[in-house]
Protein backbone atom coordinates (compact mmCIF):
# COMPACT_ATOMS: atom_id res chain seq x y z
CA MET A 1 28.58 -2.95 -7.64
CA TRP A 2 29.88 -5.44 -5.21
CA ARG A 3 33.35 -4.43 -6.12
CA SER A 4 32.82 -0.82 -5.36
CA LEU A 5 31.40 -1.64 -1.79
CA ASP A 6 34.28 -4.13 -1.19
CA SER A 7 36.83 -1.28 -2.21
CA LEU A 8 35.00 1.22 -0.23
CA LEU A 9 35.00 -1.04 2.93
CA PHE A 10 38.69 -1.81 2.37
CA THR A 11 39.52 1.89 2.17
CA ALA A 12 37.42 2.60 5.36
CA CYS A 13 39.35 -0.01 7.27
CA ALA A 14 42.71 1.09 5.95
CA LEU A 15 41.95 4.56 7.07
CA ALA A 16 40.89 3.26 10.54
CA VAL A 17 44.18 1.32 11.19
CA THR A 18 46.14 4.46 10.06
CA ALA A 19 44.26 6.72 12.44
CA CYS A 20 44.79 4.37 15.34
CA LYS A 21 48.49 4.58 14.60
CA GLN A 22 48.30 8.16 15.04
CA LEU A 23 46.61 8.38 18.34
CA PRO A 24 49.03 8.90 21.45
CA ALA A 25 50.03 5.99 23.53
CA ILE A 26 48.27 5.81 26.98
CA PRO A 27 50.48 4.35 29.60
CA LEU A 28 48.72 1.77 31.82
CA THR A 29 51.44 1.57 34.32
CA THR A 30 52.53 4.32 37.06
CA PRO A 31 55.95 5.47 37.55
CA LYS A 32 55.81 5.45 41.37
CA PRO A 33 53.95 2.80 43.28
CA LEU A 34 50.42 3.93 44.90
CA GLU A 35 50.50 4.79 48.49
CA VAL A 36 47.55 3.88 50.52
CA ASN A 37 47.10 5.32 54.04
CA LEU A 38 44.54 3.36 56.15
CA ASN A 39 43.39 4.48 59.61
CA MET A 40 41.03 2.05 61.44
CA ARG A 41 39.13 2.70 64.58
CA LEU A 42 37.21 -0.03 66.29
CA ASP A 43 34.56 0.78 68.87
CA ILE A 44 33.05 -2.03 70.98
CA TYR A 45 29.85 -1.42 72.73
CA GLN A 46 27.96 -3.59 75.03
CA TYR A 47 24.20 -3.52 74.54
CA ARG A 48 21.94 -4.33 77.53
CA GLY A 49 18.21 -4.93 76.52
CA ASP A 50 16.94 -3.27 79.83
CA GLU A 51 18.38 0.26 79.03
CA PRO A 52 15.71 2.53 77.60
CA LEU A 53 17.80 4.58 75.41
CA ASP A 54 15.20 7.36 74.53
CA LYS A 55 14.19 8.18 77.95
CA GLU A 56 17.93 8.33 79.18
CA ALA A 57 18.71 10.62 76.41
CA THR A 58 16.41 13.43 77.62
CA LYS A 59 17.08 13.04 81.27
CA SER A 60 20.05 14.23 82.99
CA ALA A 61 21.58 13.13 86.43
CA GLY A 62 20.87 16.62 88.13
CA GLU A 63 17.15 16.43 87.09
CA ALA A 64 17.00 12.82 88.25
CA THR A 65 18.49 13.71 91.43
CA GLN A 66 16.03 16.66 92.02
CA ARG A 67 12.98 14.41 91.19
CA LEU A 68 14.20 11.91 93.89
CA ARG A 69 14.38 14.69 96.33
CA ASN A 70 10.97 15.94 95.34
CA ARG A 71 9.41 12.29 95.69
CA MET A 72 11.26 11.46 98.95
CA GLU A 73 8.22 12.21 101.48
CA GLU A 74 5.82 10.22 99.13
CA ILE A 75 8.25 7.24 98.81
CA GLN A 76 8.91 7.12 102.68
CA THR A 77 5.05 7.24 103.27
CA LEU A 78 4.82 4.20 101.15
CA LYS A 79 7.65 2.65 102.98
CA ASN A 80 6.20 3.41 106.50
CA ASN A 81 2.57 2.03 105.28
CA GLN A 82 4.71 -1.06 104.26
CA LEU A 83 3.33 -1.03 100.77
CA VAL A 84 6.83 -1.08 99.23
CA GLY A 85 10.05 -2.56 99.92
CA GLU A 86 13.93 -2.18 98.83
CA ASP A 87 15.15 -5.10 96.74
CA HIS A 88 18.61 -6.37 96.23
CA ARG A 89 19.06 -4.40 93.06
CA GLY A 90 18.60 -0.98 94.82
CA LEU A 91 15.08 -0.57 93.52
CA LEU A 92 11.57 -0.31 94.93
CA ILE A 93 9.30 -3.26 94.76
CA ILE A 94 5.50 -3.02 95.23
CA ARG A 95 4.63 -5.47 97.98
CA GLU A 96 0.92 -4.58 98.09
CA VAL A 97 -1.24 -2.24 95.96
CA PRO A 98 -3.87 -0.31 97.80
CA ALA A 99 -7.42 0.08 96.66
CA GLY A 100 -8.89 2.99 95.11
CA ASP A 101 -7.06 5.98 93.47
CA TRP A 102 -4.07 5.69 95.59
CA GLY A 103 -3.11 2.24 93.86
CA PRO A 104 -2.47 3.82 90.28
CA GLN A 105 -0.64 6.75 91.88
CA MET A 106 1.61 4.59 94.01
CA LYS A 107 2.46 2.43 90.80
CA LYS A 108 3.38 5.65 88.75
CA ALA A 109 5.51 6.98 91.74
CA VAL A 110 7.37 3.64 92.13
CA THR A 111 7.94 3.41 88.41
CA ALA A 112 9.30 6.98 88.28
CA GLU A 113 11.69 6.40 91.45
CA ASN A 114 13.00 3.25 89.86
CA GLU A 115 13.74 4.99 86.39
CA ASP A 116 15.61 7.76 88.14
CA ARG A 117 17.40 5.30 90.41
CA MET A 118 18.55 3.23 87.41
CA LEU A 119 19.52 6.43 85.51
CA LEU A 120 21.76 7.43 88.36
CA MET A 121 23.22 3.98 88.85
CA ARG A 122 24.02 3.52 85.17
CA GLN A 123 25.75 6.87 85.01
CA LYS A 124 27.70 6.00 88.17
CA ALA A 125 28.65 2.68 86.65
CA LYS A 126 29.86 4.39 83.42
CA GLU A 127 31.74 7.02 85.13
CA SER A 128 33.68 4.44 87.49
CA ASN A 129 34.06 2.05 84.74
CA ARG A 130 32.47 -0.77 86.81
CA PRO A 131 29.76 -3.16 86.02
CA LEU A 132 26.04 -2.06 86.72
CA HIS A 133 25.42 -4.97 89.12
CA GLU A 134 28.38 -3.72 91.44
CA ILE A 135 26.57 -0.17 91.65
CA GLU A 136 23.25 -2.00 92.24
CA ALA A 137 24.71 -4.06 95.11
CA GLU A 138 26.27 -0.85 96.56
CA GLN A 139 22.88 1.05 96.55
CA TRP A 140 21.31 -1.98 97.95
CA ARG A 141 23.58 -2.20 100.96
CA LEU A 142 23.28 1.38 101.60
CA ARG A 143 19.49 1.54 101.45
CA THR A 144 19.15 -1.54 103.57
CA GLN A 145 21.42 -0.18 106.32
CA GLN A 146 19.62 3.22 106.09
CA ALA A 147 16.01 1.64 106.35
CA ASN A 148 14.03 2.58 109.21
CA THR A 149 12.79 -0.06 111.71
CA GLY A 150 9.73 -1.90 110.16
CA GLU A 151 10.44 -1.26 106.52
CA TRP A 152 10.45 -4.02 104.15
CA ILE A 153 14.04 -5.01 102.85
CA GLU A 154 15.52 -7.93 100.81
CA VAL A 155 18.40 -9.64 102.80
CA PRO A 156 20.61 -12.56 101.78
CA GLY A 157 18.97 -15.91 102.06
CA ALA A 158 20.26 -19.22 103.31
CA ALA A 159 21.38 -20.38 99.91
CA PRO A 160 24.13 -18.54 98.16
CA GLY A 161 22.44 -16.03 95.67
CA SER A 162 19.05 -16.24 97.22
CA PHE A 163 17.12 -13.52 99.05
CA GLN A 164 14.34 -13.18 101.52
CA TRP A 165 12.04 -10.41 102.60
CA LYS A 166 12.40 -9.20 106.13
CA ARG A 167 11.54 -6.01 108.17
CA ALA A 168 14.34 -3.91 109.05
CA GLY A 169 15.36 -3.83 112.70
CA ALA A 170 17.57 -5.22 115.32
CA GLU A 171 16.95 -8.92 114.01
CA THR A 172 17.87 -8.17 110.56
CA THR A 173 21.30 -9.30 109.27
CA PRO A 174 23.01 -6.94 106.98
CA PRO A 175 24.35 -7.75 103.51
CA ALA A 176 27.74 -9.78 103.62
CA THR A 177 30.17 -6.86 102.48
CA PRO A 178 29.95 -3.31 104.48
CA PRO A 179 28.94 -0.36 102.62
CA ALA A 180 31.29 2.28 101.52
CA THR A 181 29.73 4.99 103.59
CA PRO A 182 29.07 5.11 107.34
CA THR A 183 25.66 3.65 108.43
CA LYS A 184 22.87 5.75 110.01
CA PRO A 185 22.37 4.94 113.72
CA THR A 186 19.19 3.17 114.69
CA PRO A 187 16.94 4.73 117.33
């Protein structure tokens, strides 16, 4: 019995070897070298943590400009009452919060004003391919020179890079570099 199994196994192996010889040869090399076309693109983005991406995506510059115009009277009233001032970044700073319902309303108006101003400054920086801090400095100089007498503005301090609050008027020294636009004459 063992002999019949051995002979059967031997016959199966012989048939398998014979069958392998009859299979077609598969070449593992290519007649031509492979060509690889590789195109690369490198995009570099600078991320600033203070950019509210979701809000800016929905707001357009035209809408922001219109909102600034609509809010102009309210902001001027706050400036005239000396509750807010123009800082060295071209934004409004709350100097004093009034009591009652006017306090939260003022905070909401100042926050909305600063968001719209930043939106426009970022867009201008992107369009002119300049850093945001240059646009902020331009806006600060412009707003400082256009300030009415008695409004709070931030002016350069005694030490380089420092600032101090003063009221706009004849005794106020303007920022070191002149603005790009003509100034408003003071009465």
